[in-house]
Each structure stands twice: as structure tokens, then as C-alpha cells.
Amino acid sequence: MIENRPFVTFLAHAVLVLGVLLVAFPIWITFVAATHEAARMTQVPLPLWPGDQFFVNLKTVMLDGVGGENATPVWLMMSNSLLMAMMIAVGKITISLLSAFAIVYFRFPFRMGFFWMIFITLMLPVEVRIFPTFKVVADLGMLNSYWGMTIPLIASATATFMFRQVFLTIPDEMLEAARVDGAGPMRFFWDILIPLSRTNIAALFVIMFIYGWNQYLWPLLITTETGYFTVVMGIKQMLEAAEQAPDWHLIMMTALLAMLPPIVVVLSMQKMFVKGLTETEK
């Protein structure tokens, strides 16, 4: 028999609602600030309700940028961030799928040794090896390029480990059946392993896309031309604009726009994302 305790139920819901409000309040303030003019954002108290300058501020940041005549338009920075995030996400998943496939289904000397070498790289993130990585990228002439911004971030030991665990759960009978039907290794990989791994691929895509979208240190180091600036770099530079007060209404509009692509990706792939993280059996 389930005991009905209205007070406990009410308290639990109240705590959950309070948690949602605490998380949503900064986002609401960002939206409100993006709808007012510059003068209103310097007055006390700060506004808590939207103004009428939303589309004016949106046009300003998207077409003109923030920070004067040499400012980079936000549409260009968002395009750079989107391209970088997509290249990192797709590159990480592709390389990790192939490496996990080779480790699980091919027998070659030092197979597990190579796997553990890949796994050990978890202790060497980009921030630890940033100077030698920069030297290699500079020697290859990839500074101020999308390849230089993405290739050093593509390898992923986490994704390789995850796909290896997924492939190990697939029965050996499926491989034998594919061989009997005359399917080669790549046909087995493409027609059987990829469909069975689609939820895991979706979960990793969401994680890797957000990882690539939020990159700041590596793009800052590898790019000097404003045409390659990402939106995260742009927001930071807007806050540090020399000899002038920050345009908070435009900065908040830029921050609001920077939230949209990750939110769209998470919402559009939410079901597959959750399923990919919780699914344990095929």
C-alpha cells in the first residue's frame, strides 16, 4: 500500500520548482537585458521585464558586431563556432568508431597495447599539451584555419572506449551470420554496427557538439584574424573592450544567441541522447 503524504509531496514539488527557477533566472535576466537600450542597463534597479529593443539589438549584433568599427559580426562568429563544433563532433565520432571497430574485431599485434595507449591520453587534455600541439600546428601551416582549430581536438579516448564497450555487447553470432552472407568487414561495420550504435552516436554527438561549441582557449591561441573568431571568444572580448564601458544590452543579446544552437541540438536529440546514455543491452 502506497502511503499518501500530501505535505511531503508538496515539499518535494516546491524544492523542484525552486531549483528550476534558480537555473532559469539568469537566462531570464539575459533575455530581459537583450531587449533594452544601453542607458536602461546602467540604471538601478535593473529591469526584470522585457523592453522593446529586442529586434534593434538583434540587428546590431548580427550585422555590425560589438566593439566599434572593426568589430566582427556575430553571424560570422556563430558560423565559425558552428563549423568548429560540427567538425569536432563528426570527426571525434568517425575516428572513434573506426578505432573501436579495429580494436574489437581485428586481431593484430599489440592490439590491447594500442587501446591502452589511447585510453591513457585521457590524462593529457589539450590544456596540458597545448604548447607542443601549437608548435606542430604552426609548423604545418595551419594557424588561422579551420583545420588548425579542429584537428588537434578530434581524437577522443572517451568515445573510443564507449564504442568499444558497445561493440563488445554485440553477439558474435551476428558477425558469423554476416560472414555466411558474404559481408565483408566494412559492410558489417556499415550495415550492422552503425545502426546498432545510433543512440550512442547521438548521445556522443550532443556531448561533443557542446564541447566544440564552448571551446575558448585553443581557438584563442590558434587564431589572430578576426574572421576566425568564435562566439565564445567574441563575448570575452566584448567584456574586455578597451577604454569604454561594456555594451551590456548587446553582450547579453550575443550571449542569448550563443545559447541557441546547443539548446536546439539537445532538444532535437533529447530522446536518443537519454537512451544512448542509459541503454545497456542490445
C-alpha atoms as a PDB file:
ATOM      1  CA  MET A   1       0.000   0.000   0.000  1.00  0.00           C
ATOM      2  CA  ILE A   2       1.325   3.403  -1.003  1.00  0.00           C
ATOM      3  CA  GLU A   3       1.115   5.970   1.764  1.00  0.00           C
ATOM      4  CA  ASN A   4      -0.335   9.312   0.717  1.00  0.00           C
ATOM      5  CA  ARG A   5       1.583  12.175   2.316  1.00  0.00           C
ATOM      6  CA  PRO A   6       0.408  15.476   0.782  1.00  0.00           C
ATOM      7  CA  PHE A   7       2.841  17.638   2.732  1.00  0.00           C
ATOM      8  CA  VAL A   8       5.891  15.624   1.610  1.00  0.00           C
ATOM      9  CA  THR A   9       4.644  15.681  -1.984  1.00  0.00           C
ATOM     10  CA  PHE A  10       4.111  19.442  -1.829  1.00  0.00           C
ATOM     11  CA  LEU A  11       7.551  19.984  -0.302  1.00  0.00           C
ATOM     12  CA  ALA A  12       9.226  17.855  -2.964  1.00  0.00           C
ATOM     13  CA  HIS A  13       7.494  19.761  -5.761  1.00  0.00           C
ATOM     14  CA  ALA A  14       8.340  23.084  -4.134  1.00  0.00           C
ATOM     15  CA  VAL A  15      12.030  22.179  -3.995  1.00  0.00           C
ATOM     16  CA  LEU A  16      11.979  21.114  -7.648  1.00  0.00           C
ATOM     17  CA  VAL A  17      10.226  24.319  -8.733  1.00  0.00           C
ATOM     18  CA  LEU A  18      12.700  26.389  -6.724  1.00  0.00           C
ATOM     19  CA  GLY A  19      15.582  24.584  -8.413  1.00  0.00           C
ATOM     20  CA  VAL A  20      14.122  25.283 -11.862  1.00  0.00           C
ATOM     21  CA  LEU A  21      13.644  28.965 -11.002  1.00  0.00           C
ATOM     22  CA  LEU A  22      17.221  29.295  -9.761  1.00  0.00           C
ATOM     23  CA  VAL A  23      18.540  27.829 -13.009  1.00  0.00           C
ATOM     24  CA  ALA A  24      16.175  29.798 -15.257  1.00  0.00           C
ATOM     25  CA  PHE A  25      16.533  33.194 -13.555  1.00  0.00           C
ATOM     26  CA  PRO A  26      19.960  34.091 -15.056  1.00  0.00           C
ATOM     27  CA  ILE A  27      18.661  33.115 -18.506  1.00  0.00           C
ATOM     28  CA  TRP A  28      15.617  35.326 -17.996  1.00  0.00           C
ATOM     29  CA  ILE A  29      17.813  38.257 -16.934  1.00  0.00           C
ATOM     30  CA  THR A  30      19.931  37.716 -20.063  1.00  0.00           C
ATOM     31  CA  PHE A  31      16.817  37.827 -22.243  1.00  0.00           C
ATOM     32  CA  VAL A  32      15.459  40.930 -20.478  1.00  0.00           C
ATOM     33  CA  ALA A  33      18.788  42.760 -20.813  1.00  0.00           C
ATOM     34  CA  ALA A  34      18.859  41.933 -24.532  1.00  0.00           C
ATOM     35  CA  THR A  35      15.560  43.775 -25.022  1.00  0.00           C
ATOM     36  CA  HIS A  36      16.554  47.141 -23.526  1.00  0.00           C
ATOM     37  CA  GLU A  37      18.690  50.044 -24.644  1.00  0.00           C
ATOM     38  CA  ALA A  38      22.167  50.758 -23.246  1.00  0.00           C
ATOM     39  CA  ALA A  39      21.084  53.578 -20.901  1.00  0.00           C
ATOM     40  CA  ARG A  40      18.486  51.439 -19.150  1.00  0.00           C
ATOM     41  CA  MET A  41      21.066  48.765 -18.274  1.00  0.00           C
ATOM     42  CA  THR A  42      23.101  51.299 -16.266  1.00  0.00           C
ATOM     43  CA  GLN A  43      20.177  52.345 -14.083  1.00  0.00           C
ATOM     44  CA  VAL A  44      19.187  50.916 -10.717  1.00  0.00           C
ATOM     45  CA  PRO A  45      17.194  48.790 -10.228  1.00  0.00           C
ATOM     46  CA  LEU A  46      17.857  46.572 -13.197  1.00  0.00           C
ATOM     47  CA  PRO A  47      14.768  45.753 -15.276  1.00  0.00           C
ATOM     48  CA  LEU A  48      13.010  42.447 -14.722  1.00  0.00           C
ATOM     49  CA  TRP A  49      10.591  42.690 -17.641  1.00  0.00           C
ATOM     50  CA  PRO A  50      11.346  42.789 -21.391  1.00  0.00           C
ATOM     51  CA  GLY A  51      11.702  46.041 -23.266  1.00  0.00           C
ATOM     52  CA  ASP A  52      11.021  46.995 -26.871  1.00  0.00           C
ATOM     53  CA  GLN A  53      14.552  46.969 -28.316  1.00  0.00           C
ATOM     54  CA  PHE A  54      14.918  43.243 -28.993  1.00  0.00           C
ATOM     55  CA  PHE A  55      14.966  43.374 -32.780  1.00  0.00           C
ATOM     56  CA  VAL A  56      17.069  46.547 -32.824  1.00  0.00           C
ATOM     57  CA  ASN A  57      19.738  44.909 -30.654  1.00  0.00           C
ATOM     58  CA  LEU A  58      19.477  41.688 -32.673  1.00  0.00           C
ATOM     59  CA  LYS A  59      20.127  43.522 -35.940  1.00  0.00           C
ATOM     60  CA  THR A  60      23.022  45.447 -34.396  1.00  0.00           C
ATOM     61  CA  VAL A  61      24.930  42.419 -33.102  1.00  0.00           C
ATOM     62  CA  MET A  62      24.216  40.203 -36.097  1.00  0.00           C
ATOM     63  CA  LEU A  63      25.237  42.691 -38.777  1.00  0.00           C
ATOM     64  CA  ASP A  64      27.518  45.233 -37.074  1.00  0.00           C
ATOM     65  CA  GLY A  65      29.022  43.399 -34.111  1.00  0.00           C
ATOM     66  CA  VAL A  66      30.007  44.874 -30.767  1.00  0.00           C
ATOM     67  CA  GLY A  67      33.086  46.978 -30.104  1.00  0.00           C
ATOM     68  CA  GLY A  68      33.370  49.655 -32.773  1.00  0.00           C
ATOM     69  CA  GLU A  69      34.194  49.827 -36.458  1.00  0.00           C
ATOM     70  CA  ASN A  70      36.455  46.769 -36.540  1.00  0.00           C
ATOM     71  CA  ALA A  71      34.005  44.549 -34.652  1.00  0.00           C
ATOM     72  CA  THR A  72      33.244  41.108 -36.046  1.00  0.00           C
ATOM     73  CA  PRO A  73      29.552  40.480 -36.832  1.00  0.00           C
ATOM     74  CA  VAL A  74      28.014  37.889 -34.568  1.00  0.00           C
ATOM     75  CA  TRP A  75      26.645  35.907 -37.514  1.00  0.00           C
ATOM     76  CA  LEU A  76      30.233  35.258 -38.641  1.00  0.00           C
ATOM     77  CA  MET A  77      31.381  34.251 -35.154  1.00  0.00           C
ATOM     78  CA  MET A  78      28.416  31.911 -34.774  1.00  0.00           C
ATOM     79  CA  SER A  79      29.167  30.396 -38.182  1.00  0.00           C
ATOM     80  CA  ASN A  80      32.756  29.768 -37.079  1.00  0.00           C
ATOM     81  CA  SER A  81      31.565  28.196 -33.821  1.00  0.00           C
ATOM     82  CA  LEU A  82      29.023  26.041 -35.639  1.00  0.00           C
ATOM     83  CA  LEU A  83      31.560  24.835 -38.191  1.00  0.00           C
ATOM     84  CA  MET A  84      34.117  24.118 -35.479  1.00  0.00           C
ATOM     85  CA  ALA A  85      31.597  22.248 -33.304  1.00  0.00           C
ATOM     86  CA  MET A  86      30.348  20.158 -36.231  1.00  0.00           C
ATOM     87  CA  MET A  87      33.852  19.267 -37.412  1.00  0.00           C
ATOM     88  CA  ILE A  88      34.902  18.255 -33.892  1.00  0.00           C
ATOM     89  CA  ALA A  89      31.741  16.224 -33.205  1.00  0.00           C
ATOM     90  CA  VAL A  90      31.696  14.418 -36.554  1.00  0.00           C
ATOM     91  CA  GLY A  91      35.473  13.915 -36.538  1.00  0.00           C
ATOM     92  CA  LYS A  92      35.544  12.515 -32.992  1.00  0.00           C
ATOM     93  CA  ILE A  93      32.694  10.095 -33.685  1.00  0.00           C
ATOM     94  CA  THR A  94      34.121   8.922 -37.026  1.00  0.00           C
ATOM     95  CA  ILE A  95      37.640   8.297 -35.727  1.00  0.00           C
ATOM     96  CA  SER A  96      36.366   6.702 -32.511  1.00  0.00           C
ATOM     97  CA  LEU A  97      34.036   4.351 -34.390  1.00  0.00           C
ATOM     98  CA  LEU A  98      36.821   3.182 -36.680  1.00  0.00           C
ATOM     99  CA  SER A  99      39.368   2.772 -33.897  1.00  0.00           C
ATOM    100  CA  ALA A 100      36.921   0.850 -31.681  1.00  0.00           C
ATOM    101  CA  PHE A 101      35.945  -1.344 -34.645  1.00  0.00           C
ATOM    102  CA  ALA A 102      39.593  -2.180 -35.319  1.00  0.00           C
ATOM    103  CA  ILE A 103      40.343  -2.944 -31.666  1.00  0.00           C
ATOM    104  CA  VAL A 104      37.323  -5.224 -31.171  1.00  0.00           C
ATOM    105  CA  TYR A 105      37.053  -7.086 -34.475  1.00  0.00           C
ATOM    106  CA  PHE A 106      40.611  -7.300 -35.816  1.00  0.00           C
ATOM    107  CA  ARG A 107      43.433  -9.364 -34.375  1.00  0.00           C
ATOM    108  CA  PHE A 108      46.781  -7.678 -34.821  1.00  0.00           C
ATOM    109  CA  PRO A 109      49.975  -7.472 -32.710  1.00  0.00           C
ATOM    110  CA  PHE A 110      49.819  -5.214 -29.643  1.00  0.00           C
ATOM    111  CA  ARG A 111      46.092  -4.615 -30.180  1.00  0.00           C
ATOM    112  CA  MET A 112      45.320  -4.035 -26.491  1.00  0.00           C
ATOM    113  CA  GLY A 113      48.536  -2.101 -26.079  1.00  0.00           C
ATOM    114  CA  PHE A 114      47.325   0.428 -28.642  1.00  0.00           C
ATOM    115  CA  PHE A 115      43.970   0.586 -26.893  1.00  0.00           C
ATOM    116  CA  TRP A 116      45.573   1.391 -23.547  1.00  0.00           C
ATOM    117  CA  MET A 117      47.786   3.992 -25.221  1.00  0.00           C
ATOM    118  CA  ILE A 118      44.631   5.657 -26.499  1.00  0.00           C
ATOM    119  CA  PHE A 119      42.979   5.362 -23.099  1.00  0.00           C
ATOM    120  CA  ILE A 120      45.963   6.897 -21.283  1.00  0.00           C
ATOM    121  CA  THR A 121      45.566  10.076 -23.367  1.00  0.00           C
ATOM    122  CA  LEU A 122      42.613  10.884 -21.077  1.00  0.00           C
ATOM    123  CA  MET A 123      45.273  12.184 -18.679  1.00  0.00           C
ATOM    124  CA  LEU A 124      46.641  14.524 -21.376  1.00  0.00           C
ATOM    125  CA  PRO A 125      43.943  17.038 -22.366  1.00  0.00           C
ATOM    126  CA  VAL A 126      44.712  19.839 -24.800  1.00  0.00           C
ATOM    127  CA  GLU A 127      45.471  22.261 -21.962  1.00  0.00           C
ATOM    128  CA  VAL A 128      48.332  20.017 -20.772  1.00  0.00           C
ATOM    129  CA  ARG A 129      49.928  19.557 -24.215  1.00  0.00           C
ATOM    130  CA  ILE A 130      48.979  22.933 -25.606  1.00  0.00           C
ATOM    131  CA  PHE A 131      52.496  24.217 -26.392  1.00  0.00           C
ATOM    132  CA  PRO A 132      53.776  21.173 -28.324  1.00  0.00           C
ATOM    133  CA  THR A 133      50.418  20.960 -30.101  1.00  0.00           C
ATOM    134  CA  PHE A 134      50.665  24.615 -31.072  1.00  0.00           C
ATOM    135  CA  LYS A 135      54.206  24.049 -32.364  1.00  0.00           C
ATOM    136  CA  VAL A 136      53.074  21.159 -34.560  1.00  0.00           C
ATOM    137  CA  VAL A 137      50.095  23.110 -35.914  1.00  0.00           C
ATOM    138  CA  ALA A 138      52.283  26.150 -36.627  1.00  0.00           C
ATOM    139  CA  ASP A 139      54.910  24.039 -38.420  1.00  0.00           C
ATOM    140  CA  LEU A 140      52.173  22.526 -40.590  1.00  0.00           C
ATOM    141  CA  GLY A 141      50.959  25.989 -41.558  1.00  0.00           C
ATOM    142  CA  MET A 142      47.504  25.546 -40.057  1.00  0.00           C
ATOM    143  CA  LEU A 143      47.353  28.731 -37.992  1.00  0.00           C
ATOM    144  CA  ASN A 144      44.272  30.835 -38.728  1.00  0.00           C
ATOM    145  CA  SER A 145      42.454  27.937 -40.349  1.00  0.00           C
ATOM    146  CA  TYR A 146      39.512  25.734 -39.508  1.00  0.00           C
ATOM    147  CA  TRP A 147      41.753  22.662 -39.755  1.00  0.00           C
ATOM    148  CA  GLY A 148      44.075  24.070 -37.114  1.00  0.00           C
ATOM    149  CA  MET A 149      41.122  24.873 -34.865  1.00  0.00           C
ATOM    150  CA  THR A 150      39.627  21.383 -35.070  1.00  0.00           C
ATOM    151  CA  ILE A 151      42.137  18.625 -35.923  1.00  0.00           C
ATOM    152  CA  PRO A 152      44.039  18.748 -32.578  1.00  0.00           C
ATOM    153  CA  LEU A 153      40.697  18.336 -30.761  1.00  0.00           C
ATOM    154  CA  ILE A 154      39.291  15.479 -32.828  1.00  0.00           C
ATOM    155  CA  ALA A 155      40.916  12.448 -31.178  1.00  0.00           C
ATOM    156  CA  SER A 156      38.797  11.147 -28.289  1.00  0.00           C
ATOM    157  CA  ALA A 157      39.760   8.329 -25.924  1.00  0.00           C
ATOM    158  CA  THR A 158      36.392   8.621 -24.173  1.00  0.00           C
ATOM    159  CA  ALA A 159      34.412   7.994 -27.348  1.00  0.00           C
ATOM    160  CA  THR A 160      36.729   5.157 -28.394  1.00  0.00           C
ATOM    161  CA  PHE A 161      36.258   3.472 -25.022  1.00  0.00           C
ATOM    162  CA  MET A 162      32.489   3.918 -25.168  1.00  0.00           C
ATOM    163  CA  PHE A 163      32.151   2.456 -28.676  1.00  0.00           C
ATOM    164  CA  ARG A 164      34.440  -0.427 -27.732  1.00  0.00           C
ATOM    165  CA  GLN A 165      32.125  -1.299 -24.858  1.00  0.00           C
ATOM    166  CA  VAL A 166      29.119  -1.075 -27.186  1.00  0.00           C
ATOM    167  CA  PHE A 167      30.708  -3.359 -29.782  1.00  0.00           C
ATOM    168  CA  LEU A 168      31.628  -5.904 -27.103  1.00  0.00           C
ATOM    169  CA  THR A 169      27.933  -6.300 -26.239  1.00  0.00           C
ATOM    170  CA  ILE A 170      27.041  -7.328 -29.798  1.00  0.00           C
ATOM    171  CA  PRO A 171      26.800 -11.152 -30.040  1.00  0.00           C
ATOM    172  CA  ASP A 172      29.474 -12.954 -32.038  1.00  0.00           C
ATOM    173  CA  GLU A 173      26.675 -14.785 -33.865  1.00  0.00           C
ATOM    174  CA  MET A 174      25.890 -11.590 -35.764  1.00  0.00           C
ATOM    175  CA  LEU A 175      29.445 -11.456 -37.068  1.00  0.00           C
ATOM    176  CA  GLU A 176      29.283 -15.122 -38.071  1.00  0.00           C
ATOM    177  CA  ALA A 177      25.938 -14.570 -39.802  1.00  0.00           C
ATOM    178  CA  ALA A 178      27.386 -11.643 -41.727  1.00  0.00           C
ATOM    179  CA  ARG A 179      30.324 -13.768 -42.850  1.00  0.00           C
ATOM    180  CA  VAL A 180      27.984 -16.535 -44.008  1.00  0.00           C
ATOM    181  CA  ASP A 181      26.049 -13.985 -46.063  1.00  0.00           C
ATOM    182  CA  GLY A 182      29.290 -12.867 -47.678  1.00  0.00           C
ATOM    183  CA  ALA A 183      29.518  -9.465 -45.994  1.00  0.00           C
ATOM    184  CA  GLY A 184      32.996  -8.022 -45.703  1.00  0.00           C
ATOM    185  CA  PRO A 185      34.328  -6.127 -42.664  1.00  0.00           C
ATOM    186  CA  MET A 186      33.214  -2.691 -43.860  1.00  0.00           C
ATOM    187  CA  ARG A 187      29.802  -3.984 -44.910  1.00  0.00           C
ATOM    188  CA  PHE A 188      29.362  -5.471 -41.423  1.00  0.00           C
ATOM    189  CA  PHE A 189      30.537  -2.178 -39.918  1.00  0.00           C
ATOM    190  CA  TRP A 190      28.207  -0.019 -42.005  1.00  0.00           C
ATOM    191  CA  ASP A 191      25.063  -2.172 -42.121  1.00  0.00           C
ATOM    192  CA  ILE A 192      25.109  -3.727 -38.636  1.00  0.00           C
ATOM    193  CA  LEU A 193      27.370  -1.898 -36.182  1.00  0.00           C
ATOM    194  CA  ILE A 194      26.381   1.652 -37.151  1.00  0.00           C
ATOM    195  CA  PRO A 195      22.581   1.068 -36.888  1.00  0.00           C
ATOM    196  CA  LEU A 196      23.008  -0.717 -33.555  1.00  0.00           C
ATOM    197  CA  SER A 197      25.102   2.192 -32.244  1.00  0.00           C
ATOM    198  CA  ARG A 198      22.882   5.051 -33.411  1.00  0.00           C
ATOM    199  CA  THR A 199      21.659   6.006 -29.915  1.00  0.00           C
ATOM    200  CA  ASN A 200      25.217   6.040 -28.596  1.00  0.00           C
ATOM    201  CA  ILE A 201      26.298   8.090 -31.600  1.00  0.00           C
ATOM    202  CA  ALA A 202      23.515  10.580 -30.881  1.00  0.00           C
ATOM    203  CA  ALA A 203      24.489  10.862 -27.219  1.00  0.00           C
ATOM    204  CA  LEU A 204      28.137  11.426 -28.098  1.00  0.00           C
ATOM    205  CA  PHE A 205      27.236  13.913 -30.811  1.00  0.00           C
ATOM    206  CA  VAL A 206      25.380  16.091 -28.302  1.00  0.00           C
ATOM    207  CA  ILE A 207      28.280  15.968 -25.827  1.00  0.00           C
ATOM    208  CA  MET A 208      30.958  16.603 -28.451  1.00  0.00           C
ATOM    209  CA  PHE A 209      28.980  19.372 -30.148  1.00  0.00           C
ATOM    210  CA  ILE A 210      28.658  21.289 -26.882  1.00  0.00           C
ATOM    211  CA  TYR A 211      32.345  20.600 -26.166  1.00  0.00           C
ATOM    212  CA  GLY A 212      33.334  22.084 -29.522  1.00  0.00           C
ATOM    213  CA  TRP A 213      30.917  24.998 -29.269  1.00  0.00           C
ATOM    214  CA  ASN A 214      32.267  26.068 -25.859  1.00  0.00           C
ATOM    215  CA  GLN A 215      35.938  25.945 -26.828  1.00  0.00           C
ATOM    216  CA  TYR A 216      37.777  29.129 -25.869  1.00  0.00           C
ATOM    217  CA  LEU A 217      41.455  28.592 -25.059  1.00  0.00           C
ATOM    218  CA  TRP A 218      42.515  26.692 -28.184  1.00  0.00           C
ATOM    219  CA  PRO A 219      40.766  28.969 -30.748  1.00  0.00           C
ATOM    220  CA  LEU A 220      42.135  31.987 -28.877  1.00  0.00           C
ATOM    221  CA  LEU A 221      45.656  30.636 -29.218  1.00  0.00           C
ATOM    222  CA  ILE A 222      45.435  29.392 -32.782  1.00  0.00           C
ATOM    223  CA  THR A 223      43.706  32.385 -34.420  1.00  0.00           C
ATOM    224  CA  THR A 224      44.737  36.011 -34.798  1.00  0.00           C
ATOM    225  CA  GLU A 225      42.451  37.040 -37.656  1.00  0.00           C
ATOM    226  CA  THR A 226      39.020  38.298 -36.646  1.00  0.00           C
ATOM    227  CA  GLY A 227      37.401  36.304 -39.438  1.00  0.00           C
ATOM    228  CA  TYR A 228      38.082  33.090 -37.474  1.00  0.00           C
ATOM    229  CA  PHE A 229      36.852  34.277 -34.072  1.00  0.00           C
ATOM    230  CA  THR A 230      34.231  32.105 -32.377  1.00  0.00           C
ATOM    231  CA  VAL A 231      31.251  33.445 -30.477  1.00  0.00           C
ATOM    232  CA  VAL A 232      32.736  32.454 -27.095  1.00  0.00           C
ATOM    233  CA  MET A 233      35.881  34.409 -27.924  1.00  0.00           C
ATOM    234  CA  GLY A 234      33.722  37.314 -29.094  1.00  0.00           C
ATOM    235  CA  ILE A 235      31.789  37.526 -25.828  1.00  0.00           C
ATOM    236  CA  LYS A 236      35.010  37.557 -23.833  1.00  0.00           C
ATOM    237  CA  GLN A 237      36.444  40.366 -25.964  1.00  0.00           C
ATOM    238  CA  MET A 238      33.232  42.373 -25.685  1.00  0.00           C
ATOM    239  CA  LEU A 239      33.594  42.257 -21.904  1.00  0.00           C
ATOM    240  CA  GLU A 240      37.181  43.498 -22.149  1.00  0.00           C
ATOM    241  CA  ALA A 241      36.593  46.289 -24.650  1.00  0.00           C
ATOM    242  CA  ALA A 242      39.339  48.866 -24.130  1.00  0.00           C
ATOM    243  CA  GLU A 243      38.593  52.387 -22.932  1.00  0.00           C
ATOM    244  CA  GLN A 244      34.833  52.019 -22.942  1.00  0.00           C
ATOM    245  CA  ALA A 245      32.077  50.629 -20.767  1.00  0.00           C
ATOM    246  CA  PRO A 246      30.700  47.279 -21.913  1.00  0.00           C
ATOM    247  CA  ASP A 247      27.530  47.441 -24.008  1.00  0.00           C
ATOM    248  CA  TRP A 248      25.635  45.113 -21.726  1.00  0.00           C
ATOM    249  CA  HIS A 249      22.478  45.008 -23.815  1.00  0.00           C
ATOM    250  CA  LEU A 250      24.446  43.887 -26.886  1.00  0.00           C
ATOM    251  CA  ILE A 251      26.629  41.489 -24.901  1.00  0.00           C
ATOM    252  CA  MET A 252      23.538  39.860 -23.410  1.00  0.00           C
ATOM    253  CA  MET A 253      21.991  39.577 -26.863  1.00  0.00           C
ATOM    254  CA  THR A 254      25.152  37.846 -28.093  1.00  0.00           C
ATOM    255  CA  ALA A 255      25.123  35.512 -25.095  1.00  0.00           C
ATOM    256  CA  LEU A 256      21.465  34.723 -25.772  1.00  0.00           C
ATOM    257  CA  LEU A 257      22.258  33.865 -29.397  1.00  0.00           C
ATOM    258  CA  ALA A 258      25.215  31.731 -28.280  1.00  0.00           C
ATOM    259  CA  MET A 259      22.858  29.591 -26.169  1.00  0.00           C
ATOM    260  CA  LEU A 260      20.535  28.740 -29.052  1.00  0.00           C
ATOM    261  CA  PRO A 261      22.496  26.157 -31.118  1.00  0.00           C
ATOM    262  CA  PRO A 262      23.365  23.904 -28.126  1.00  0.00           C
ATOM    263  CA  ILE A 263      19.762  24.146 -26.908  1.00  0.00           C
ATOM    264  CA  VAL A 264      18.434  23.204 -30.349  1.00  0.00           C
ATOM    265  CA  VAL A 265      20.816  20.234 -30.569  1.00  0.00           C
ATOM    266  CA  VAL A 266      19.917  18.972 -27.080  1.00  0.00           C
ATOM    267  CA  LEU A 267      16.149  19.344 -27.578  1.00  0.00           C
ATOM    268  CA  SER A 268      16.137  17.789 -31.048  1.00  0.00           C
ATOM    269  CA  MET A 269      18.153  14.760 -29.907  1.00  0.00           C
ATOM    270  CA  GLN A 270      16.910  14.522 -26.333  1.00  0.00           C
ATOM    271  CA  LYS A 271      15.243  11.101 -26.585  1.00  0.00           C
ATOM    272  CA  MET A 272      18.172   9.445 -28.365  1.00  0.00           C
ATOM    273  CA  PHE A 273      20.611  11.215 -26.033  1.00  0.00           C
ATOM    274  CA  VAL A 274      18.970   9.804 -22.894  1.00  0.00           C
ATOM    275  CA  LYS A 275      18.532   6.383 -24.472  1.00  0.00           C
ATOM    276  CA  GLY A 276      22.176   6.308 -25.570  1.00  0.00           C
ATOM    277  CA  LEU A 277      23.399   7.058 -22.037  1.00  0.00           C
ATOM    278  CA  THR A 278      21.089   4.573 -20.307  1.00  0.00           C
ATOM    279  CA  GLU A 279      20.909   1.707 -22.794  1.00  0.00           C
ATOM    280  CA  THR A 280      22.929  -1.273 -21.591  1.00  0.00           C
ATOM    281  CA  GLU A 281      21.633  -4.131 -23.741  1.00  0.00           C
ATOM    282  CA  LYS A 282      21.118  -4.579 -27.431  1.00  0.00           C
END
